[in-house]
Protein backbone atom coordinates (compact mmCIF):
# COMPACT_ATOMS: atom_id res chain seq x y z
CA UNK A 1 0.00 0.00 0.00
CA UNK A 2 1.43 3.36 -1.05
CA UNK A 3 0.35 6.40 0.99
CA UNK A 4 0.72 9.84 -0.59
CA UNK A 5 -0.41 13.40 0.05
CA UNK A 6 -3.38 14.57 -2.02
CA UNK A 7 -4.70 18.13 -1.99
CA UNK A 8 -8.48 18.67 -1.77
CA UNK A 9 -10.24 21.88 -2.76
CA UNK A 10 -11.91 24.00 -0.06
CA UNK A 11 -15.15 25.21 -1.73
CA UNK A 12 -16.20 27.65 1.02
CA UNK A 13 -13.03 29.78 0.96
CA UNK A 14 -12.99 33.25 -0.63
CA UNK A 15 -9.90 32.38 -2.70
CA UNK A 16 -8.74 29.08 -4.22
CA UNK A 17 -7.36 26.91 -1.38
CA UNK A 18 -6.44 23.24 -1.04
CA UNK A 19 -6.02 21.09 2.06
CA UNK A 20 -3.44 18.27 2.16
CA UNK A 21 -4.67 14.83 3.28
CA UNK A 22 -3.22 11.32 3.25
CA UNK A 23 -4.53 8.96 0.58
CA UNK A 24 -3.90 5.39 -0.54
CA UNK A 25 -2.84 5.02 -4.18
CA UNK A 26 -5.14 2.43 -5.80
CA UNK A 27 -3.48 2.48 -9.21
CA UNK A 28 -3.52 4.84 -12.17
CA UNK A 29 -5.04 8.16 -11.15
CA UNK A 30 -7.26 6.69 -8.37
CA UNK A 31 -6.75 7.37 -4.64
CA UNK A 32 -8.75 6.57 -1.48
CA UNK A 33 -8.80 9.44 1.02
CA UNK A 34 -7.65 8.18 4.42
CA UNK A 35 -8.09 11.22 6.63
CA UNK A 36 -9.67 14.65 6.92
CA UNK A 37 -9.65 17.43 9.50
CA UNK A 38 -11.70 16.81 12.65
CA UNK A 39 -13.18 20.31 12.41
CA UNK A 40 -13.05 23.11 9.81
CA UNK A 41 -12.42 23.43 6.93
CA UNK A 42 -15.14 22.07 4.63
CA UNK A 43 -13.57 19.84 1.97
CA UNK A 44 -14.88 19.00 -1.50
CA UNK A 45 -14.20 15.27 -0.89
CA UNK A 46 -14.17 13.24 2.33
CA UNK A 47 -12.55 10.33 4.14
CA UNK A 48 -13.27 7.05 2.34
CA UNK A 49 -14.01 8.67 -1.03
CA UNK A 50 -12.16 7.24 -4.03
CA UNK A 51 -11.09 10.18 -6.17
CA UNK A 52 -9.23 10.76 -9.39
CA UNK A 53 -6.17 13.00 -9.11
CA UNK A 54 -3.84 14.88 -11.41
CA UNK A 55 -0.76 17.02 -11.00
CA UNK A 56 -1.45 20.75 -10.74
CA UNK A 57 0.61 23.80 -9.82
CA UNK A 58 -1.10 25.33 -6.78
CA UNK A 59 0.11 28.89 -7.39
CA UNK A 60 1.24 31.23 -10.12
CA UNK A 61 4.85 31.79 -9.07
CA UNK A 62 7.54 29.74 -10.84
CA UNK A 63 8.75 28.46 -7.46
CA UNK A 64 5.52 26.47 -6.90
CA UNK A 65 5.80 22.76 -7.67
CA UNK A 66 3.18 20.43 -9.13
CA UNK A 67 1.06 18.79 -6.44
CA UNK A 68 -1.37 15.87 -6.59
CA UNK A 69 -4.90 17.35 -6.61
CA UNK A 70 -8.24 15.50 -6.34
CA UNK A 71 -10.65 16.65 -9.05
CA UNK A 72 -13.55 14.17 -9.15
CA UNK A 73 -15.08 11.07 -7.55
CA UNK A 74 -13.94 7.86 -9.25
CA UNK A 75 -16.36 5.03 -10.07
C-alpha cells in the first residue's frame, strides 16, 4: 500500500485553497482518502471517497511545484 499526500479543494473559501490529506494510491489516477480534518475546513471530498487525481501547480509563481490534486469522484 502506497500512501501519498493529495490536496483537496476547499469550496467555502474566498480564494482558491487546497487542504493536504493522506490517501492510498489504488493504481492509475485513483486514490482513497484516508483522513480529513476533525473540524473546519469544509472539503470538496471526504474520508473514504475514491477520487481521481492529477498534478497541478497550486500557485502562479515559478517556485511552486506540481502537487497531486483530487478533481472528481472515481467510479
